[in-house]
């Protein structure tokens, strides 16, 4: 019998075999990683900002 993958929920910190990816963390050097949550916690996990949304608040003087 094959083992089912197990991940830790980012919210409740419980180990689960019924998980979903809630975000991806990108790295400038090397591979990034996925962030997982159990199905019960997943709807309440805050969505991380999109990198382009971070630049929306910059004024013209800030973008030199």
N, C-alpha and C. Protein backbone atom coordinates (compact mmCIF):
# COMPACT_ATOMS: atom_id res chain seq x y z
N UNK A 1 0.83 -1.18 0.00
CA UNK A 1 0.00 0.00 0.00
C UNK A 1 0.88 1.25 0.00
N UNK A 2 0.60 2.17 -0.91
CA UNK A 2 1.39 3.39 -1.04
C UNK A 2 1.02 4.39 0.05
N UNK A 3 2.02 5.11 0.53
CA UNK A 3 1.78 6.17 1.52
C UNK A 3 1.20 7.39 0.83
N UNK A 4 0.25 8.03 1.47
CA UNK A 4 -0.32 9.27 0.94
C UNK A 4 0.55 10.44 1.38
N UNK A 5 0.72 11.43 0.52
CA UNK A 5 1.51 12.60 0.92
C UNK A 5 0.87 13.31 2.12
N UNK A 6 1.70 13.84 2.99
CA UNK A 6 1.24 14.55 4.17
C UNK A 6 1.90 15.92 4.20
N UNK A 7 1.12 16.93 4.53
CA UNK A 7 1.63 18.29 4.63
C UNK A 7 1.13 18.93 5.91
N UNK A 8 1.84 19.96 6.37
CA UNK A 8 1.39 20.70 7.56
C UNK A 8 0.59 21.92 7.11
N UNK A 9 -0.53 22.14 7.76
CA UNK A 9 -1.39 23.28 7.48
C UNK A 9 -0.74 24.55 8.02
N UNK A 10 -0.68 25.59 7.20
CA UNK A 10 -0.06 26.85 7.60
C UNK A 10 -0.87 27.56 8.69
N UNK A 11 -2.15 27.28 8.82
CA UNK A 11 -3.00 27.94 9.81
C UNK A 11 -3.04 27.19 11.14
N UNK A 12 -3.53 25.95 11.13
CA UNK A 12 -3.72 25.21 12.38
C UNK A 12 -2.49 24.37 12.76
N UNK A 13 -1.52 24.29 11.86
CA UNK A 13 -0.26 23.56 12.08
C UNK A 13 -0.45 22.06 12.32
N UNK A 14 -1.58 21.52 11.90
CA UNK A 14 -1.83 20.07 12.00
C UNK A 14 -1.36 19.39 10.72
N UNK A 15 -0.90 18.15 10.85
CA UNK A 15 -0.54 17.37 9.67
C UNK A 15 -1.81 16.82 9.03
N UNK A 16 -1.87 16.85 7.71
CA UNK A 16 -3.06 16.39 7.01
C UNK A 16 -2.69 15.74 5.68
N UNK A 17 -3.52 14.79 5.27
CA UNK A 17 -3.37 14.20 3.93
C UNK A 17 -4.38 14.80 2.97
N UNK A 18 -5.26 15.68 3.48
CA UNK A 18 -6.27 16.35 2.66
C UNK A 18 -5.94 17.84 2.64
N UNK A 19 -5.00 18.24 1.78
CA UNK A 19 -4.47 19.60 1.77
C UNK A 19 -4.65 20.24 0.40
N UNK A 20 -4.53 21.57 0.38
CA UNK A 20 -4.55 22.34 -0.86
C UNK A 20 -3.40 23.34 -0.81
N UNK A 21 -2.91 23.74 -1.98
CA UNK A 21 -1.87 24.77 -2.07
C UNK A 21 -2.57 26.12 -1.94
N UNK A 22 -2.12 26.95 -1.00
CA UNK A 22 -2.74 28.27 -0.81
C UNK A 22 -1.85 29.40 -1.32
N UNK A 23 -0.57 29.15 -1.52
CA UNK A 23 0.31 30.13 -2.15
C UNK A 23 1.63 29.48 -2.54
N UNK A 24 2.37 30.21 -3.36
CA UNK A 24 3.70 29.77 -3.77
C UNK A 24 4.68 30.85 -3.38
N UNK A 25 5.80 30.45 -2.80
CA UNK A 25 6.84 31.40 -2.42
C UNK A 25 7.96 31.24 -3.43
N UNK A 26 8.28 32.34 -4.13
CA UNK A 26 9.33 32.32 -5.14
C UNK A 26 10.63 32.80 -4.52
N UNK A 27 11.72 32.24 -4.97
CA UNK A 27 13.03 32.61 -4.45
C UNK A 27 13.90 33.15 -5.57
N UNK A 28 14.71 34.14 -5.25
CA UNK A 28 15.60 34.73 -6.24
C UNK A 28 16.76 33.82 -6.60
N UNK A 29 17.16 32.98 -5.67
CA UNK A 29 18.25 32.04 -5.94
C UNK A 29 17.84 30.67 -5.43
N UNK A 30 17.60 29.78 -6.34
CA UNK A 30 17.18 28.44 -5.95
C UNK A 30 15.68 28.27 -6.04
N UNK A 31 15.22 27.07 -5.73
CA UNK A 31 13.80 26.79 -5.87
C UNK A 31 12.98 27.43 -4.75
N UNK A 32 11.75 27.77 -5.06
CA UNK A 32 10.82 28.27 -4.06
C UNK A 32 10.11 27.09 -3.41
N UNK A 33 8.95 27.36 -2.82
CA UNK A 33 8.21 26.28 -2.19
C UNK A 33 6.72 26.62 -2.16
N UNK A 34 5.91 25.61 -1.98
CA UNK A 34 4.46 25.77 -1.87
C UNK A 34 4.07 25.87 -0.41
N UNK A 35 2.98 26.60 -0.15
CA UNK A 35 2.41 26.72 1.19
C UNK A 35 1.07 25.99 1.17
N UNK A 36 0.85 25.13 2.13
CA UNK A 36 -0.33 24.26 2.15
C UNK A 36 -1.24 24.60 3.32
N UNK A 37 -2.51 24.28 3.16
CA UNK A 37 -3.49 24.39 4.25
C UNK A 37 -4.44 23.21 4.14
N UNK A 38 -5.00 22.82 5.28
CA UNK A 38 -6.02 21.77 5.25
C UNK A 38 -7.28 22.37 4.63
N UNK A 39 -8.17 21.55 4.15
CA UNK A 39 -9.38 22.05 3.47
C UNK A 39 -10.26 22.90 4.39
N UNK A 40 -10.23 22.63 5.68
CA UNK A 40 -11.03 23.43 6.61
C UNK A 40 -10.49 24.83 6.80
N UNK A 41 -9.18 24.97 6.82
CA UNK A 41 -8.56 26.29 7.04
C UNK A 41 -8.36 27.08 5.75
N UNK A 42 -8.28 26.41 4.63
CA UNK A 42 -7.92 27.06 3.36
C UNK A 42 -8.74 28.30 3.02
N UNK A 43 -10.07 28.29 3.19
CA UNK A 43 -10.83 29.50 2.84
C UNK A 43 -10.46 30.73 3.67
N UNK A 44 -9.94 30.55 4.87
CA UNK A 44 -9.60 31.68 5.73
C UNK A 44 -8.16 32.15 5.63
N UNK A 45 -7.34 31.48 4.84
CA UNK A 45 -5.94 31.87 4.71
C UNK A 45 -5.87 33.13 3.85
N UNK A 46 -5.24 34.21 4.36
CA UNK A 46 -5.16 35.45 3.58
C UNK A 46 -4.36 35.24 2.30
N UNK A 47 -4.82 35.87 1.24
CA UNK A 47 -4.12 35.78 -0.05
C UNK A 47 -2.90 36.69 -0.01
N UNK A 48 -1.73 36.19 -0.37
CA UNK A 48 -0.54 37.05 -0.37
C UNK A 48 -0.66 38.08 -1.50
N UNK A 49 -0.03 39.24 -1.35
CA UNK A 49 -0.13 40.25 -2.40
C UNK A 49 0.61 39.81 -3.66
N UNK A 50 0.07 40.20 -4.79
CA UNK A 50 0.74 39.96 -6.06
C UNK A 50 1.91 40.94 -6.14
N UNK A 51 3.01 40.52 -6.69
CA UNK A 51 4.20 41.38 -6.74
C UNK A 51 3.91 42.68 -7.47
N UNK A 52 3.06 42.66 -8.50
CA UNK A 52 2.74 43.89 -9.22
C UNK A 52 1.86 44.82 -8.40
N UNK A 53 1.07 44.27 -7.49
CA UNK A 53 0.26 45.11 -6.61
C UNK A 53 1.13 45.92 -5.65
N UNK A 54 2.30 45.41 -5.31
CA UNK A 54 3.20 46.11 -4.41
C UNK A 54 3.72 47.39 -5.03
N UNK A 55 3.82 47.44 -6.36
CA UNK A 55 4.32 48.63 -7.04
C UNK A 55 3.24 49.67 -7.27
N UNK A 56 1.97 49.32 -7.12
CA UNK A 56 0.87 50.27 -7.35
C UNK A 56 0.93 51.46 -6.40
N UNK A 57 1.45 51.28 -5.20
CA UNK A 57 1.49 52.34 -4.23
C UNK A 57 2.69 53.26 -4.38
N UNK A 58 3.58 52.94 -5.30
CA UNK A 58 4.79 53.76 -5.48
C UNK A 58 4.46 55.00 -6.30
N UNK A 59 4.94 56.13 -5.86
CA UNK A 59 4.77 57.37 -6.61
C UNK A 59 5.84 57.49 -7.69
N UNK A 60 5.74 58.50 -8.53
CA UNK A 60 6.69 58.71 -9.62
C UNK A 60 8.10 58.95 -9.06
N UNK A 61 8.19 59.66 -7.93
CA UNK A 61 9.51 59.96 -7.34
C UNK A 61 10.15 58.69 -6.79
N UNK A 62 9.34 57.71 -6.41
CA UNK A 62 9.87 56.47 -5.83
C UNK A 62 10.38 55.51 -6.88
N UNK A 63 10.00 55.67 -8.13
CA UNK A 63 10.34 54.68 -9.16
C UNK A 63 11.50 55.09 -10.04
N UNK A 64 12.41 55.89 -9.51
CA UNK A 64 13.56 56.35 -10.31
C UNK A 64 14.47 55.25 -10.67
